[in-house]
């Protein structure tokens, strides 16, 4: 049986889905921009996290 997601996690997931749908409704360019922006944020945040962890 899978673990139950927290309420906060469910809210964030719903917000992401809503924003994805909203961007998709504005066209493929808007959706692509959102996808690329999220990828870049994930990369930079991961890099920064590893850097800060290395300084500990």
N, C-alpha and C. Protein backbone atom coordinates (compact mmCIF):
# COMPACT_ATOMS: atom_id res chain seq x y z
N UNK A 1 0.84 -1.18 0.00
CA UNK A 1 0.00 0.00 0.00
C UNK A 1 0.89 1.25 0.00
N UNK A 2 0.66 2.20 -0.94
CA UNK A 2 1.51 3.39 -1.00
C UNK A 2 1.28 4.31 0.20
N UNK A 3 2.32 5.07 0.50
CA UNK A 3 2.21 6.00 1.62
C UNK A 3 1.27 7.15 1.28
N UNK A 4 0.59 7.61 2.28
CA UNK A 4 -0.34 8.72 2.10
C UNK A 4 0.42 10.04 2.04
N UNK A 5 0.07 10.88 1.08
CA UNK A 5 0.73 12.18 0.94
C UNK A 5 0.17 13.15 1.98
N UNK A 6 1.03 14.05 2.43
CA UNK A 6 0.56 15.05 3.39
C UNK A 6 -0.37 16.03 2.69
N UNK A 7 -1.16 16.71 3.47
CA UNK A 7 -2.10 17.68 2.92
C UNK A 7 -1.36 18.80 2.19
N UNK A 8 -0.26 19.27 2.78
CA UNK A 8 0.53 20.33 2.15
C UNK A 8 1.07 19.86 0.81
N UNK A 9 1.57 18.63 0.76
CA UNK A 9 2.08 18.07 -0.48
C UNK A 9 0.98 18.00 -1.54
N UNK A 10 -0.20 17.64 -1.14
CA UNK A 10 -1.33 17.57 -2.07
C UNK A 10 -1.68 18.95 -2.60
N UNK A 11 -1.63 19.97 -1.73
CA UNK A 11 -1.93 21.33 -2.17
C UNK A 11 -0.91 21.82 -3.19
N UNK A 12 0.39 21.58 -2.91
CA UNK A 12 1.43 22.00 -3.84
C UNK A 12 1.28 21.29 -5.18
N UNK A 13 0.95 20.01 -5.12
CA UNK A 13 0.78 19.23 -6.35
C UNK A 13 -0.40 19.77 -7.17
N UNK A 14 -1.49 20.11 -6.50
CA UNK A 14 -2.65 20.66 -7.19
C UNK A 14 -2.32 22.03 -7.81
N UNK A 15 -1.55 22.83 -7.09
CA UNK A 15 -1.16 24.14 -7.61
C UNK A 15 -0.29 23.99 -8.85
N UNK A 16 0.66 23.03 -8.82
CA UNK A 16 1.50 22.80 -10.00
C UNK A 16 0.65 22.37 -11.19
N UNK A 17 -0.29 21.47 -10.96
CA UNK A 17 -1.15 20.99 -12.04
C UNK A 17 -1.98 22.13 -12.61
N UNK A 18 -2.50 22.97 -11.73
CA UNK A 18 -3.30 24.11 -12.16
C UNK A 18 -2.48 25.07 -13.00
N UNK A 19 -1.26 25.35 -12.55
CA UNK A 19 -0.40 26.28 -13.30
C UNK A 19 0.05 25.67 -14.62
N UNK A 20 0.28 24.35 -14.64
CA UNK A 20 0.61 23.69 -15.90
C UNK A 20 -0.55 23.81 -16.89
N UNK A 21 -1.75 23.60 -16.41
CA UNK A 21 -2.93 23.68 -17.26
C UNK A 21 -3.13 25.11 -17.77
N UNK A 22 -2.92 26.08 -16.89
CA UNK A 22 -3.08 27.48 -17.28
C UNK A 22 -2.06 27.86 -18.36
N UNK A 23 -0.81 27.43 -18.18
CA UNK A 23 0.21 27.72 -19.18
C UNK A 23 -0.11 27.02 -20.50
N UNK A 24 -0.58 25.79 -20.43
CA UNK A 24 -0.91 25.05 -21.65
C UNK A 24 -2.06 25.71 -22.39
N UNK A 25 -2.99 26.31 -21.66
CA UNK A 25 -4.12 26.97 -22.31
C UNK A 25 -3.69 28.26 -23.02
N UNK A 26 -2.55 28.82 -22.63
CA UNK A 26 -2.04 30.02 -23.30
C UNK A 26 -1.21 29.67 -24.53
N UNK A 27 -0.98 28.37 -24.74
CA UNK A 27 -0.29 27.96 -25.96
C UNK A 27 0.98 27.20 -25.67
N UNK A 28 1.54 26.55 -26.71
CA UNK A 28 2.73 25.73 -26.51
C UNK A 28 3.96 26.54 -26.09
N UNK A 29 4.06 27.79 -26.53
CA UNK A 29 5.21 28.61 -26.15
C UNK A 29 5.22 28.90 -24.66
N UNK A 30 4.07 29.23 -24.11
CA UNK A 30 3.98 29.53 -22.68
C UNK A 30 4.27 28.28 -21.86
N UNK A 31 3.76 27.13 -22.32
CA UNK A 31 4.00 25.89 -21.58
C UNK A 31 5.48 25.51 -21.63
N UNK A 32 6.08 25.65 -22.81
CA UNK A 32 7.51 25.33 -22.96
C UNK A 32 8.36 26.23 -22.08
N UNK A 33 8.02 27.51 -22.02
CA UNK A 33 8.75 28.45 -21.16
C UNK A 33 8.68 28.00 -19.71
N UNK A 34 7.50 27.57 -19.27
CA UNK A 34 7.33 27.12 -17.89
C UNK A 34 8.16 25.87 -17.61
N UNK A 35 8.14 24.93 -18.54
CA UNK A 35 8.89 23.69 -18.36
C UNK A 35 10.39 23.97 -18.27
N UNK A 36 10.89 24.83 -19.17
CA UNK A 36 12.31 25.16 -19.17
C UNK A 36 12.68 25.89 -17.88
N UNK A 37 11.85 26.83 -17.46
CA UNK A 37 12.14 27.58 -16.23
C UNK A 37 12.22 26.64 -15.03
N UNK A 38 11.32 25.67 -14.95
CA UNK A 38 11.34 24.74 -13.82
C UNK A 38 12.58 23.85 -13.86
N UNK A 39 13.00 23.46 -15.07
CA UNK A 39 14.23 22.65 -15.19
C UNK A 39 15.44 23.44 -14.72
N UNK A 40 15.52 24.70 -15.13
CA UNK A 40 16.65 25.55 -14.76
C UNK A 40 16.68 25.76 -13.25
N UNK A 41 15.52 26.03 -12.65
CA UNK A 41 15.46 26.20 -11.20
C UNK A 41 15.93 24.93 -10.49
N UNK A 42 15.49 23.78 -10.98
CA UNK A 42 15.88 22.51 -10.35
C UNK A 42 17.39 22.32 -10.42
N UNK A 43 17.99 22.63 -11.57
CA UNK A 43 19.44 22.48 -11.73
C UNK A 43 20.19 23.41 -10.80
N UNK A 44 19.81 24.70 -10.80
CA UNK A 44 20.55 25.67 -9.99
C UNK A 44 20.36 25.42 -8.51
N UNK A 45 19.15 25.02 -8.12
CA UNK A 45 18.93 24.73 -6.70
C UNK A 45 19.70 23.50 -6.26
N UNK A 46 19.79 22.50 -7.13
CA UNK A 46 20.57 21.30 -6.81
C UNK A 46 22.05 21.63 -6.69
N UNK A 47 22.54 22.45 -7.60
CA UNK A 47 23.94 22.86 -7.57
C UNK A 47 24.25 23.65 -6.30
N UNK A 48 23.38 24.59 -5.98
CA UNK A 48 23.57 25.40 -4.78
C UNK A 48 23.51 24.53 -3.52
N UNK A 49 22.58 23.57 -3.50
CA UNK A 49 22.47 22.68 -2.35
C UNK A 49 23.73 21.85 -2.15
N UNK A 50 24.27 21.32 -3.25
CA UNK A 50 25.52 20.54 -3.13
C UNK A 50 26.67 21.42 -2.66
N UNK A 51 26.72 22.65 -3.16
CA UNK A 51 27.77 23.59 -2.75
C UNK A 51 27.67 23.89 -1.26
N UNK A 52 26.47 24.19 -0.79
CA UNK A 52 26.28 24.51 0.62
C UNK A 52 26.54 23.29 1.51
N UNK A 53 26.16 22.12 1.03
CA UNK A 53 26.41 20.90 1.80
C UNK A 53 27.91 20.65 1.92
N UNK A 54 28.64 20.98 0.86
CA UNK A 54 30.09 20.80 0.88
C UNK A 54 30.79 21.75 1.86
N UNK A 55 30.16 22.88 2.15
CA UNK A 55 30.77 23.85 3.08
C UNK A 55 30.57 23.48 4.54
N UNK A 56 29.69 22.53 4.81
CA UNK A 56 29.43 22.14 6.20
C UNK A 56 30.63 21.56 6.86
